[in-house]
């Protein structure tokens, strides 16, 4: 792997992305859980 000056940050990028994704999923689960269930019920009808 080449070091283009952003080398020290590279190990943190996947971890930061994982944290953001998990946080977004948690917020979506809290706020949109009932909405997702309502959509599933509508689709099932």
C-alpha atoms as a PDB file:
ATOM      1  CA  UNK A   1       0.000   0.000   0.000  1.00  0.00           C
ATOM      2  CA  UNK A   2       1.207   3.468  -0.855  1.00  0.00           C
ATOM      3  CA  UNK A   3       1.237   6.296   1.641  1.00  0.00           C
ATOM      4  CA  UNK A   4      -0.073   9.426  -0.051  1.00  0.00           C
ATOM      5  CA  UNK A   5       0.013  11.512   3.114  1.00  0.00           C
ATOM      6  CA  UNK A   6      -3.365  10.228   4.294  1.00  0.00           C
ATOM      7  CA  UNK A   7      -1.824   7.029   5.623  1.00  0.00           C
ATOM      8  CA  UNK A   8      -2.308   7.732   9.344  1.00  0.00           C
ATOM      9  CA  UNK A   9      -6.034   8.266   8.782  1.00  0.00           C
ATOM     10  CA  UNK A  10      -6.628   5.149   6.708  1.00  0.00           C
ATOM     11  CA  UNK A  11      -7.054   2.738   9.642  1.00  0.00           C
ATOM     12  CA  UNK A  12      -9.691   5.017  11.156  1.00  0.00           C
ATOM     13  CA  UNK A  13     -11.844   5.378   8.056  1.00  0.00           C
ATOM     14  CA  UNK A  14     -13.503   1.907   8.158  1.00  0.00           C
ATOM     15  CA  UNK A  15     -14.010   2.168  11.926  1.00  0.00           C
ATOM     16  CA  UNK A  16     -15.548   5.615  11.602  1.00  0.00           C
ATOM     17  CA  UNK A  17     -17.796   4.423   8.789  1.00  0.00           C
ATOM     18  CA  UNK A  18     -18.896   1.426  10.871  1.00  0.00           C
ATOM     19  CA  UNK A  19     -19.715   3.668  13.833  1.00  0.00           C
ATOM     20  CA  UNK A  20     -21.733   6.028  11.653  1.00  0.00           C
ATOM     21  CA  UNK A  21     -23.607   3.178   9.987  1.00  0.00           C
ATOM     22  CA  UNK A  22     -24.421   1.472  13.283  1.00  0.00           C
ATOM     23  CA  UNK A  23     -25.504   4.772  14.825  1.00  0.00           C
ATOM     24  CA  UNK A  24     -27.721   5.531  11.818  1.00  0.00           C
ATOM     25  CA  UNK A  25     -29.202   2.031  12.012  1.00  0.00           C
ATOM     26  CA  UNK A  26     -29.912   2.483  15.726  1.00  0.00           C
ATOM     27  CA  UNK A  27     -31.609   5.836  15.183  1.00  0.00           C
ATOM     28  CA  UNK A  28     -33.557   4.450  12.243  1.00  0.00           C
ATOM     29  CA  UNK A  29     -34.600   1.475  14.360  1.00  0.00           C
ATOM     30  CA  UNK A  30     -35.853   3.738  17.154  1.00  0.00           C
ATOM     31  CA  UNK A  31     -37.603   6.306  14.992  1.00  0.00           C
ATOM     32  CA  UNK A  32     -38.696   4.222  12.035  1.00  0.00           C
ATOM     33  CA  UNK A  33     -39.414   0.834  13.560  1.00  0.00           C
ATOM     34  CA  UNK A  34     -43.163   1.364  13.742  1.00  0.00           C
ATOM     35  CA  UNK A  35     -43.202   2.981  10.290  1.00  0.00           C
ATOM     36  CA  UNK A  36     -41.348  -0.007   8.818  1.00  0.00           C
ATOM     37  CA  UNK A  37     -43.819  -2.380  10.451  1.00  0.00           C
ATOM     38  CA  UNK A  38     -46.744  -0.355   9.079  1.00  0.00           C
ATOM     39  CA  UNK A  39     -45.270  -0.531   5.585  1.00  0.00           C
ATOM     40  CA  UNK A  40     -44.745  -4.289   5.926  1.00  0.00           C
ATOM     41  CA  UNK A  41     -48.349  -4.737   7.024  1.00  0.00           C
ATOM     42  CA  UNK A  42     -49.571  -2.684   4.055  1.00  0.00           C
ATOM     43  CA  UNK A  43     -47.408  -4.650   1.647  1.00  0.00           C
ATOM     44  CA  UNK A  44     -48.659  -7.918   3.116  1.00  0.00           C
ATOM     45  CA  UNK A  45     -52.324  -6.964   2.584  1.00  0.00           C
END
